[in-house]
């Protein structure tokens, strides 16, 4: 099972290390982690995606709430949240295939941020599915470098807890 945690913490040195350390000490795997300031400069939001058994994932939330600098822990259901990730990727694109790469990038809403004689560097954002699909689409051209930010997430505002998306 995959779980997204949105954790509000006091914004000062060492807090991210303490939160990540909890996962390490307990042997939990972090699939993705992203941290940044919120609308309140004294608070940082840390978004962690973890995979595990349901009982382990609930235990993680309990343990997080015990940490001194943690103000709030919210377990967010993926289908009840806005999720985004940023990816930068350098694609092998010789002149003979450059227009194909740029057309494909445009289809995904990616921005070309750099070009050399042999490569095109793209910037794209989207949910996990879009990012994985984009990367899969460019595998045939060759990805020489890639960096991903990790997922950030906010729950849909005013969403009833029993809401299910239309399939």
N, C-alpha and C. Protein backbone atom coordinates (compact mmCIF):
# COMPACT_ATOMS: atom_id res chain seq x y z
N UNK A 1 0.84 -1.17 0.00
CA UNK A 1 0.00 0.00 0.00
C UNK A 1 0.90 1.25 0.00
N UNK A 2 0.43 2.27 -0.67
CA UNK A 2 1.17 3.53 -0.78
C UNK A 2 0.46 4.60 0.04
N UNK A 3 1.23 5.35 0.85
CA UNK A 3 0.63 6.37 1.72
C UNK A 3 1.38 7.68 1.56
N UNK A 4 0.60 8.78 1.47
CA UNK A 4 1.16 10.12 1.42
C UNK A 4 0.95 10.75 2.79
N UNK A 5 2.03 11.27 3.37
CA UNK A 5 1.95 11.98 4.65
C UNK A 5 2.26 13.45 4.41
N UNK A 6 1.41 14.31 4.89
CA UNK A 6 1.66 15.75 4.88
C UNK A 6 1.93 16.13 6.33
N UNK A 7 3.15 16.57 6.59
CA UNK A 7 3.61 16.79 7.96
C UNK A 7 3.98 18.26 8.12
N UNK A 8 3.31 18.96 9.04
CA UNK A 8 3.67 20.34 9.35
C UNK A 8 4.59 20.33 10.55
N UNK A 9 5.75 20.98 10.40
CA UNK A 9 6.76 20.99 11.45
C UNK A 9 7.24 22.42 11.70
N UNK A 10 7.84 22.62 12.87
CA UNK A 10 8.47 23.91 13.15
C UNK A 10 9.63 24.09 12.18
N UNK A 11 9.77 25.29 11.66
CA UNK A 11 10.77 25.58 10.64
C UNK A 11 12.09 25.99 11.29
N UNK A 12 12.93 25.00 11.56
CA UNK A 12 14.29 25.30 12.02
C UNK A 12 15.22 24.14 11.70
N UNK A 13 16.49 24.38 11.85
CA UNK A 13 17.51 23.41 11.45
C UNK A 13 17.34 22.06 12.15
N UNK A 14 17.52 20.99 11.39
CA UNK A 14 17.54 19.65 11.94
C UNK A 14 16.21 18.91 11.97
N UNK A 15 15.10 19.62 11.73
CA UNK A 15 13.79 18.97 11.84
C UNK A 15 13.61 17.90 10.76
N UNK A 16 13.99 18.21 9.52
CA UNK A 16 13.85 17.23 8.44
C UNK A 16 14.67 15.98 8.76
N UNK A 17 15.84 16.17 9.32
CA UNK A 17 16.69 15.04 9.69
C UNK A 17 16.01 14.17 10.76
N UNK A 18 15.36 14.79 11.73
CA UNK A 18 14.67 14.04 12.78
C UNK A 18 13.51 13.23 12.20
N UNK A 19 12.76 13.85 11.31
CA UNK A 19 11.61 13.16 10.70
C UNK A 19 12.10 11.98 9.85
N UNK A 20 13.09 12.22 8.99
CA UNK A 20 13.62 11.14 8.16
C UNK A 20 14.27 10.06 9.02
N UNK A 21 14.89 10.47 10.12
CA UNK A 21 15.53 9.53 11.03
C UNK A 21 14.55 8.56 11.65
N UNK A 22 13.33 9.01 11.89
CA UNK A 22 12.31 8.12 12.43
C UNK A 22 12.07 6.96 11.47
N UNK A 23 12.00 7.25 10.18
CA UNK A 23 11.80 6.20 9.18
C UNK A 23 12.98 5.24 9.18
N UNK A 24 14.19 5.77 9.28
CA UNK A 24 15.39 4.95 9.29
C UNK A 24 15.42 4.02 10.50
N UNK A 25 15.18 4.59 11.69
CA UNK A 25 15.23 3.80 12.93
C UNK A 25 14.21 2.67 12.93
N UNK A 26 13.06 2.91 12.33
CA UNK A 26 11.99 1.90 12.32
C UNK A 26 12.07 0.96 11.12
N UNK A 27 12.99 1.24 10.18
CA UNK A 27 13.15 0.38 9.02
C UNK A 27 12.09 0.59 7.96
N UNK A 28 11.46 1.76 7.93
CA UNK A 28 10.46 2.07 6.91
C UNK A 28 11.14 2.69 5.70
N UNK A 29 10.65 2.38 4.52
CA UNK A 29 11.24 2.90 3.31
C UNK A 29 10.51 4.16 2.85
N UNK A 30 11.26 5.20 2.52
CA UNK A 30 10.70 6.44 1.97
C UNK A 30 10.84 6.36 0.45
N UNK A 31 9.71 6.42 -0.25
CA UNK A 31 9.73 6.43 -1.71
C UNK A 31 10.03 7.82 -2.23
N UNK A 32 9.51 8.84 -1.55
CA UNK A 32 9.67 10.22 -1.99
C UNK A 32 9.60 11.13 -0.77
N UNK A 33 10.41 12.21 -0.78
CA UNK A 33 10.36 13.18 0.30
C UNK A 33 10.61 14.57 -0.30
N UNK A 34 9.80 15.52 0.12
CA UNK A 34 9.96 16.91 -0.32
C UNK A 34 9.61 17.80 0.86
N UNK A 35 10.36 18.88 1.01
CA UNK A 35 10.11 19.80 2.12
C UNK A 35 10.24 21.23 1.62
N UNK A 36 9.41 22.10 2.18
CA UNK A 36 9.49 23.51 1.81
C UNK A 36 8.62 24.34 2.73
N UNK A 37 8.84 25.65 2.69
CA UNK A 37 8.07 26.55 3.56
C UNK A 37 6.60 26.58 3.18
N UNK A 38 5.78 26.97 4.14
CA UNK A 38 4.35 27.14 3.91
C UNK A 38 4.03 28.63 3.88
N UNK A 39 2.74 28.94 3.90
CA UNK A 39 2.31 30.34 3.94
C UNK A 39 2.73 31.02 5.24
N UNK A 40 3.03 30.23 6.27
CA UNK A 40 3.52 30.73 7.56
C UNK A 40 5.02 30.43 7.62
N UNK A 41 5.85 31.45 7.69
CA UNK A 41 7.30 31.25 7.62
C UNK A 41 7.88 30.47 8.80
N UNK A 42 7.10 30.25 9.85
CA UNK A 42 7.58 29.49 10.99
C UNK A 42 7.30 27.99 10.84
N UNK A 43 6.61 27.62 9.75
CA UNK A 43 6.20 26.23 9.54
C UNK A 43 6.70 25.72 8.19
N UNK A 44 7.22 24.50 8.19
CA UNK A 44 7.63 23.80 6.97
C UNK A 44 6.68 22.63 6.76
N UNK A 45 6.32 22.39 5.49
CA UNK A 45 5.53 21.19 5.15
C UNK A 45 6.48 20.17 4.56
N UNK A 46 6.47 18.98 5.14
CA UNK A 46 7.23 17.85 4.61
C UNK A 46 6.21 16.86 4.06
N UNK A 47 6.39 16.49 2.79
CA UNK A 47 5.52 15.48 2.18
C UNK A 47 6.36 14.24 1.95
N UNK A 48 5.92 13.15 2.56
CA UNK A 48 6.63 11.88 2.44
C UNK A 48 5.68 10.84 1.86
N UNK A 49 6.17 10.08 0.89
CA UNK A 49 5.42 8.96 0.34
C UNK A 49 6.14 7.70 0.80
N UNK A 50 5.40 6.81 1.44
CA UNK A 50 5.96 5.56 1.95
C UNK A 50 5.12 4.39 1.44
N UNK A 51 5.75 3.24 1.35
CA UNK A 51 5.06 2.02 0.93
C UNK A 51 5.22 1.00 2.05
N UNK A 52 4.12 0.32 2.36
CA UNK A 52 4.17 -0.69 3.40
C UNK A 52 2.81 -1.30 3.64
N UNK A 53 2.74 -2.12 4.64
CA UNK A 53 1.48 -2.71 5.05
C UNK A 53 0.65 -1.65 5.78
N UNK A 54 -0.67 -1.78 5.71
CA UNK A 54 -1.56 -0.77 6.28
C UNK A 54 -1.27 -0.50 7.76
N UNK A 55 -1.06 -1.55 8.55
CA UNK A 55 -0.79 -1.35 9.98
C UNK A 55 0.53 -0.62 10.21
N UNK A 56 1.55 -0.90 9.37
CA UNK A 56 2.82 -0.19 9.48
C UNK A 56 2.65 1.30 9.17
N UNK A 57 1.86 1.59 8.14
CA UNK A 57 1.67 2.97 7.72
C UNK A 57 0.92 3.78 8.79
N UNK A 58 -0.02 3.17 9.47
CA UNK A 58 -0.70 3.86 10.58
C UNK A 58 0.26 4.07 11.75
N UNK A 59 1.13 3.11 11.96
CA UNK A 59 2.13 3.22 13.03
C UNK A 59 3.09 4.37 12.76
N UNK A 60 3.46 4.55 11.49
CA UNK A 60 4.33 5.67 11.13
C UNK A 60 3.70 6.98 11.56
N UNK A 61 2.41 7.17 11.25
CA UNK A 61 1.72 8.42 11.61
C UNK A 61 1.74 8.62 13.12
N UNK A 62 1.50 7.57 13.88
CA UNK A 62 1.52 7.67 15.35
C UNK A 62 2.90 8.09 15.85
N UNK A 63 3.93 7.48 15.28
CA UNK A 63 5.30 7.80 15.70
C UNK A 63 5.68 9.24 15.32
N UNK A 64 5.25 9.68 14.14
CA UNK A 64 5.54 11.05 13.71
C UNK A 64 4.92 12.07 14.67
N UNK A 65 3.69 11.79 15.10
CA UNK A 65 2.99 12.72 16.00
C UNK A 65 3.71 12.88 17.35
N UNK A 66 4.55 11.92 17.70
CA UNK A 66 5.28 11.99 18.97
C UNK A 66 6.52 12.87 18.91
N UNK A 67 6.98 13.19 17.71
CA UNK A 67 8.18 14.01 17.57
C UNK A 67 7.89 15.44 18.04
N UNK A 68 8.84 16.02 18.75
CA UNK A 68 8.67 17.31 19.40
C UNK A 68 8.27 18.43 18.44
N UNK A 69 8.93 18.55 17.32
CA UNK A 69 8.69 19.67 16.40
C UNK A 69 7.56 19.44 15.41
N UNK A 70 6.91 18.29 15.47
CA UNK A 70 5.80 18.01 14.57
C UNK A 70 4.53 18.65 15.11
N UNK A 71 3.92 19.48 14.27
CA UNK A 71 2.68 20.16 14.65
C UNK A 71 1.44 19.39 14.21
N UNK A 72 1.52 18.78 13.03
CA UNK A 72 0.36 18.09 12.47
C UNK A 72 0.82 17.02 11.50
N UNK A 73 0.14 15.88 11.50
CA UNK A 73 0.41 14.81 10.54
C UNK A 73 -0.92 14.45 9.90
N UNK A 74 -0.95 14.50 8.59
CA UNK A 74 -2.17 14.15 7.86
C UNK A 74 -1.83 13.04 6.88
N UNK A 75 -2.56 11.95 6.95
CA UNK A 75 -2.42 10.88 5.98
C UNK A 75 -3.40 11.20 4.86
N UNK A 76 -2.86 11.43 3.67
CA UNK A 76 -3.67 11.87 2.54
C UNK A 76 -3.85 10.71 1.57
N UNK A 77 -5.09 10.43 1.23
CA UNK A 77 -5.38 9.44 0.21
C UNK A 77 -5.03 10.05 -1.15
N UNK A 78 -4.30 9.30 -1.96
CA UNK A 78 -3.83 9.82 -3.25
C UNK A 78 -4.98 10.32 -4.11
N UNK A 79 -6.13 9.62 -4.08
CA UNK A 79 -7.24 10.02 -4.94
C UNK A 79 -8.07 11.17 -4.35
N UNK A 80 -7.69 11.68 -3.19
CA UNK A 80 -8.39 12.81 -2.60
C UNK A 80 -7.45 14.00 -2.41
N UNK A 81 -6.44 14.07 -3.29
CA UNK A 81 -5.44 15.12 -3.13
C UNK A 81 -4.96 15.63 -4.49
N UNK A 82 -4.46 16.83 -4.47
CA UNK A 82 -3.74 17.39 -5.61
C UNK A 82 -2.28 17.02 -5.38
N UNK A 83 -1.68 16.32 -6.32
CA UNK A 83 -0.28 15.93 -6.19
C UNK A 83 0.49 16.41 -7.40
N UNK A 84 1.72 16.83 -7.16
CA UNK A 84 2.58 17.29 -8.25
C UNK A 84 4.02 16.91 -7.95
N UNK A 85 4.77 16.78 -9.03
CA UNK A 85 6.19 16.50 -8.95
C UNK A 85 6.84 17.23 -10.12
N UNK A 86 8.04 17.71 -9.93
CA UNK A 86 8.80 18.37 -10.98
C UNK A 86 9.89 17.42 -11.45
N UNK A 87 10.08 17.36 -12.76
CA UNK A 87 11.14 16.54 -13.32
C UNK A 87 11.94 17.38 -14.32
N UNK A 88 13.24 17.25 -14.25
CA UNK A 88 14.15 17.80 -15.26
C UNK A 88 14.80 16.60 -15.93
N UNK A 89 14.81 16.57 -17.25
CA UNK A 89 15.39 15.43 -17.96
C UNK A 89 16.13 15.92 -19.19
N UNK A 90 17.32 15.39 -19.38
CA UNK A 90 18.10 15.67 -20.59
C UNK A 90 17.93 14.48 -21.52
N UNK A 91 17.36 14.76 -22.68
CA UNK A 91 17.01 13.72 -23.66
C UNK A 91 18.01 13.77 -24.81
N UNK A 92 18.47 12.60 -25.24
CA UNK A 92 19.35 12.53 -26.40
C UNK A 92 18.52 12.88 -27.63
N UNK A 93 18.93 13.94 -28.32
CA UNK A 93 18.14 14.43 -29.45
C UNK A 93 19.05 14.99 -30.53
N UNK A 94 19.63 14.11 -31.37
CA UNK A 94 20.42 14.62 -32.49
C UNK A 94 19.51 15.43 -33.42
N UNK A 95 20.10 16.27 -34.23
CA UNK A 95 19.31 17.15 -35.11
C UNK A 95 18.25 16.39 -35.90
N UNK A 96 18.56 15.17 -36.31
CA UNK A 96 17.62 14.38 -37.13
C UNK A 96 16.34 14.01 -36.36
N UNK A 97 16.40 14.01 -35.03
CA UNK A 97 15.21 13.62 -34.22
C UNK A 97 14.73 14.74 -33.31
N UNK A 98 15.38 15.89 -33.38
CA UNK A 98 15.07 16.99 -32.47
C UNK A 98 13.60 17.41 -32.55
N UNK A 99 13.04 17.55 -33.75
CA UNK A 99 11.64 18.01 -33.87
C UNK A 99 10.68 17.00 -33.24
N UNK A 100 10.98 15.70 -33.35
CA UNK A 100 10.15 14.67 -32.70
C UNK A 100 10.15 14.85 -31.18
N UNK A 101 11.34 15.07 -30.62
CA UNK A 101 11.48 15.23 -29.18
C UNK A 101 10.71 16.46 -28.71
N UNK A 102 10.84 17.57 -29.45
CA UNK A 102 10.15 18.80 -29.07
C UNK A 102 8.63 18.64 -29.19
N UNK A 103 8.16 17.97 -30.24
CA UNK A 103 6.72 17.73 -30.39
C UNK A 103 6.19 16.87 -29.24
N UNK A 104 6.93 15.85 -28.87
CA UNK A 104 6.52 14.99 -27.76
C UNK A 104 6.52 15.77 -26.45
N UNK A 105 7.52 16.60 -26.26
CA UNK A 105 7.57 17.45 -25.06
C UNK A 105 6.34 18.35 -25.01
N UNK A 106 6.00 18.97 -26.12
CA UNK A 106 4.82 19.84 -26.18
C UNK A 106 3.54 19.08 -25.86
N UNK A 107 3.45 17.84 -26.31
CA UNK A 107 2.26 17.03 -26.03
C UNK A 107 2.07 16.80 -24.54
N UNK A 108 3.17 16.75 -23.80
CA UNK A 108 3.11 16.56 -22.36
C UNK A 108 3.10 17.87 -21.58
N UNK A 109 3.15 18.99 -22.29
CA UNK A 109 3.18 20.29 -21.61
C UNK A 109 4.53 20.58 -20.99
N UNK A 110 5.57 19.90 -21.46
CA UNK A 110 6.92 20.13 -20.94
C UNK A 110 7.53 21.35 -21.62
N UNK A 111 8.42 22.00 -20.90
CA UNK A 111 9.12 23.17 -21.43
C UNK A 111 10.55 22.79 -21.79
N UNK A 112 11.01 23.24 -22.93
CA UNK A 112 12.41 23.07 -23.31
C UNK A 112 13.19 24.16 -22.59
N UNK A 113 14.17 23.78 -21.77
CA UNK A 113 14.92 24.79 -21.03
C UNK A 113 16.37 24.89 -21.46
N UNK A 114 16.84 23.92 -22.28
CA UNK A 114 18.20 24.00 -22.80
C UNK A 114 18.32 23.07 -23.99
N UNK A 115 19.17 23.48 -24.95
CA UNK A 115 19.46 22.62 -26.11
C UNK A 115 20.95 22.68 -26.41
N UNK A 116 21.50 21.53 -26.76
CA UNK A 116 22.86 21.47 -27.27
C UNK A 116 22.77 20.82 -28.65
N UNK A 117 23.90 20.53 -29.27
CA UNK A 117 23.88 19.87 -30.58
C UNK A 117 23.25 18.49 -30.51
N UNK A 118 23.35 17.83 -29.33
CA UNK A 118 22.90 16.43 -29.23
C UNK A 118 21.81 16.18 -28.21
N UNK A 119 21.43 17.20 -27.44
CA UNK A 119 20.45 16.96 -26.36
C UNK A 119 19.44 18.09 -26.25
N UNK A 120 18.33 17.76 -25.61
CA UNK A 120 17.31 18.73 -25.24
C UNK A 120 17.01 18.48 -23.76
N UNK A 121 17.06 19.53 -22.95
CA UNK A 121 16.72 19.41 -21.53
C UNK A 121 15.32 19.96 -21.33
N UNK A 122 14.49 19.15 -20.67
CA UNK A 122 13.08 19.47 -20.48
C UNK A 122 12.75 19.67 -19.01
N UNK A 123 11.74 20.48 -18.77
CA UNK A 123 11.17 20.66 -17.44
C UNK A 123 9.69 20.34 -17.55
N UNK A 124 9.20 19.49 -16.65
CA UNK A 124 7.78 19.14 -16.66
C UNK A 124 7.30 18.92 -15.24
N UNK A 125 6.02 19.16 -15.04
CA UNK A 125 5.43 18.86 -13.74
C UNK A 125 4.09 18.18 -13.97
N UNK A 126 3.69 17.43 -12.97
CA UNK A 126 2.42 16.73 -13.05
C UNK A 126 2.30 15.74 -11.93
N UNK A 127 1.20 14.99 -11.95
CA UNK A 127 1.05 13.95 -10.94
C UNK A 127 1.98 12.78 -11.28
N UNK A 128 2.07 11.83 -10.40
CA UNK A 128 2.98 10.70 -10.55
C UNK A 128 2.77 9.98 -11.88
N UNK A 129 1.52 9.76 -12.25
CA UNK A 129 1.22 9.05 -13.49
C UNK A 129 1.76 9.81 -14.70
N UNK A 130 1.52 11.12 -14.73
CA UNK A 130 2.00 11.92 -15.87
C UNK A 130 3.51 11.89 -15.96
N UNK A 131 4.20 12.04 -14.84
CA UNK A 131 5.67 12.06 -14.86
C UNK A 131 6.21 10.71 -15.32
N UNK A 132 5.65 9.62 -14.79
CA UNK A 132 6.12 8.29 -15.21
C UNK A 132 5.85 8.05 -16.70
N UNK A 133 4.68 8.49 -17.19
CA UNK A 133 4.33 8.33 -18.60
C UNK A 133 5.27 9.13 -19.49
N UNK A 134 5.56 10.35 -19.09
CA UNK A 134 6.49 11.20 -19.84
C UNK A 134 7.86 10.54 -19.94
N UNK A 135 8.37 10.07 -18.82
CA UNK A 135 9.69 9.43 -18.82
C UNK A 135 9.70 8.17 -19.68
N UNK A 136 8.63 7.40 -19.63
CA UNK A 136 8.52 6.19 -20.45
C UNK A 136 8.53 6.56 -21.94
N UNK A 137 7.85 7.67 -22.29
CA UNK A 137 7.79 8.10 -23.68
C UNK A 137 9.16 8.48 -24.22
N UNK A 138 10.04 9.00 -23.38
CA UNK A 138 11.35 9.43 -23.83
C UNK A 138 12.44 8.36 -23.70
N UNK A 139 12.10 7.21 -23.14
CA UNK A 139 13.10 6.14 -23.00
C UNK A 139 13.69 5.74 -24.34
N UNK A 140 12.87 5.70 -25.38
CA UNK A 140 13.34 5.30 -26.71
C UNK A 140 14.38 6.24 -27.30
N UNK A 141 14.37 7.48 -26.88
CA UNK A 141 15.36 8.45 -27.36
C UNK A 141 16.63 8.38 -26.54
N UNK A 142 16.47 8.00 -25.27
CA UNK A 142 17.59 7.94 -24.34
C UNK A 142 17.57 9.14 -23.41
N UNK A 143 17.55 8.86 -22.14
CA UNK A 143 17.59 9.91 -21.12
C UNK A 143 19.00 9.87 -20.53
N UNK A 144 19.76 10.94 -20.77
CA UNK A 144 21.15 10.93 -20.29
C UNK A 144 21.27 11.42 -18.85
N UNK A 145 20.34 12.30 -18.40
CA UNK A 145 20.32 12.76 -17.01
C UNK A 145 18.87 13.03 -16.62
N UNK A 146 18.60 12.85 -15.33
CA UNK A 146 17.26 13.12 -14.84
C UNK A 146 17.31 13.46 -13.36
N UNK A 147 16.45 14.41 -12.95
CA UNK A 147 16.28 14.72 -11.53
C UNK A 147 14.80 14.93 -11.29
N UNK A 148 14.31 14.34 -10.19
CA UNK A 148 12.90 14.49 -9.80
C UNK A 148 12.85 15.06 -8.40
N UNK A 149 11.85 15.91 -8.14
CA UNK A 149 11.77 16.57 -6.84
C UNK A 149 11.18 15.70 -5.75
N UNK A 150 10.37 14.74 -6.11
CA UNK A 150 9.56 14.04 -5.13
C UNK A 150 8.19 14.70 -5.11
N UNK A 151 7.23 13.98 -4.63
CA UNK A 151 5.84 14.44 -4.66
C UNK A 151 5.57 15.50 -3.60
N UNK A 152 4.79 16.50 -3.99
CA UNK A 152 4.19 17.42 -3.03
C UNK A 152 2.69 17.23 -3.15
N UNK A 153 1.96 17.52 -2.08
CA UNK A 153 0.55 17.19 -2.06
C UNK A 153 -0.22 18.07 -1.10
N UNK A 154 -1.46 18.36 -1.47
CA UNK A 154 -2.43 19.01 -0.59
C UNK A 154 -3.77 18.31 -0.80
N UNK A 155 -4.52 18.11 0.28
CA UNK A 155 -5.85 17.50 0.10
C UNK A 155 -6.76 18.47 -0.65
N UNK A 156 -7.70 17.91 -1.41
CA UNK A 156 -8.72 18.75 -2.04
C UNK A 156 -9.46 19.46 -0.94
N UNK A 157 -9.64 20.75 -1.06
CA UNK A 157 -10.33 21.55 -0.05
C UNK A 157 -11.83 21.24 -0.05
N UNK A 158 -12.37 20.95 1.12
CA UNK A 158 -13.80 20.72 1.27
C UNK A 158 -14.29 19.38 0.75
N UNK A 159 -13.41 18.46 0.51
CA UNK A 159 -13.78 17.15 -0.03
C UNK A 159 -14.33 16.25 1.08
N UNK A 160 -15.53 15.66 0.88
CA UNK A 160 -16.03 14.71 1.88
C UNK A 160 -15.10 13.50 1.96
N UNK A 161 -14.93 12.94 3.16
CA UNK A 161 -13.99 11.83 3.35
C UNK A 161 -14.36 10.58 2.58
N UNK A 162 -15.65 10.37 2.30
CA UNK A 162 -16.07 9.15 1.61
C UNK A 162 -16.15 9.34 0.09
N UNK A 163 -15.66 10.48 -0.41
CA UNK A 163 -15.71 10.75 -1.83
C UNK A 163 -14.82 9.82 -2.61
N UNK A 164 -15.31 9.32 -3.72
CA UNK A 164 -14.53 8.48 -4.61
C UNK A 164 -14.59 9.11 -6.00
N UNK A 165 -13.46 9.17 -6.70
CA UNK A 165 -13.48 9.75 -8.06
C UNK A 165 -14.29 8.89 -9.02
N UNK A 166 -14.81 9.51 -10.04
CA UNK A 166 -15.55 8.79 -11.09
C UNK A 166 -14.55 8.06 -11.95
N UNK A 167 -14.78 6.78 -12.16
CA UNK A 167 -13.82 5.97 -12.93
C UNK A 167 -13.90 6.25 -14.40
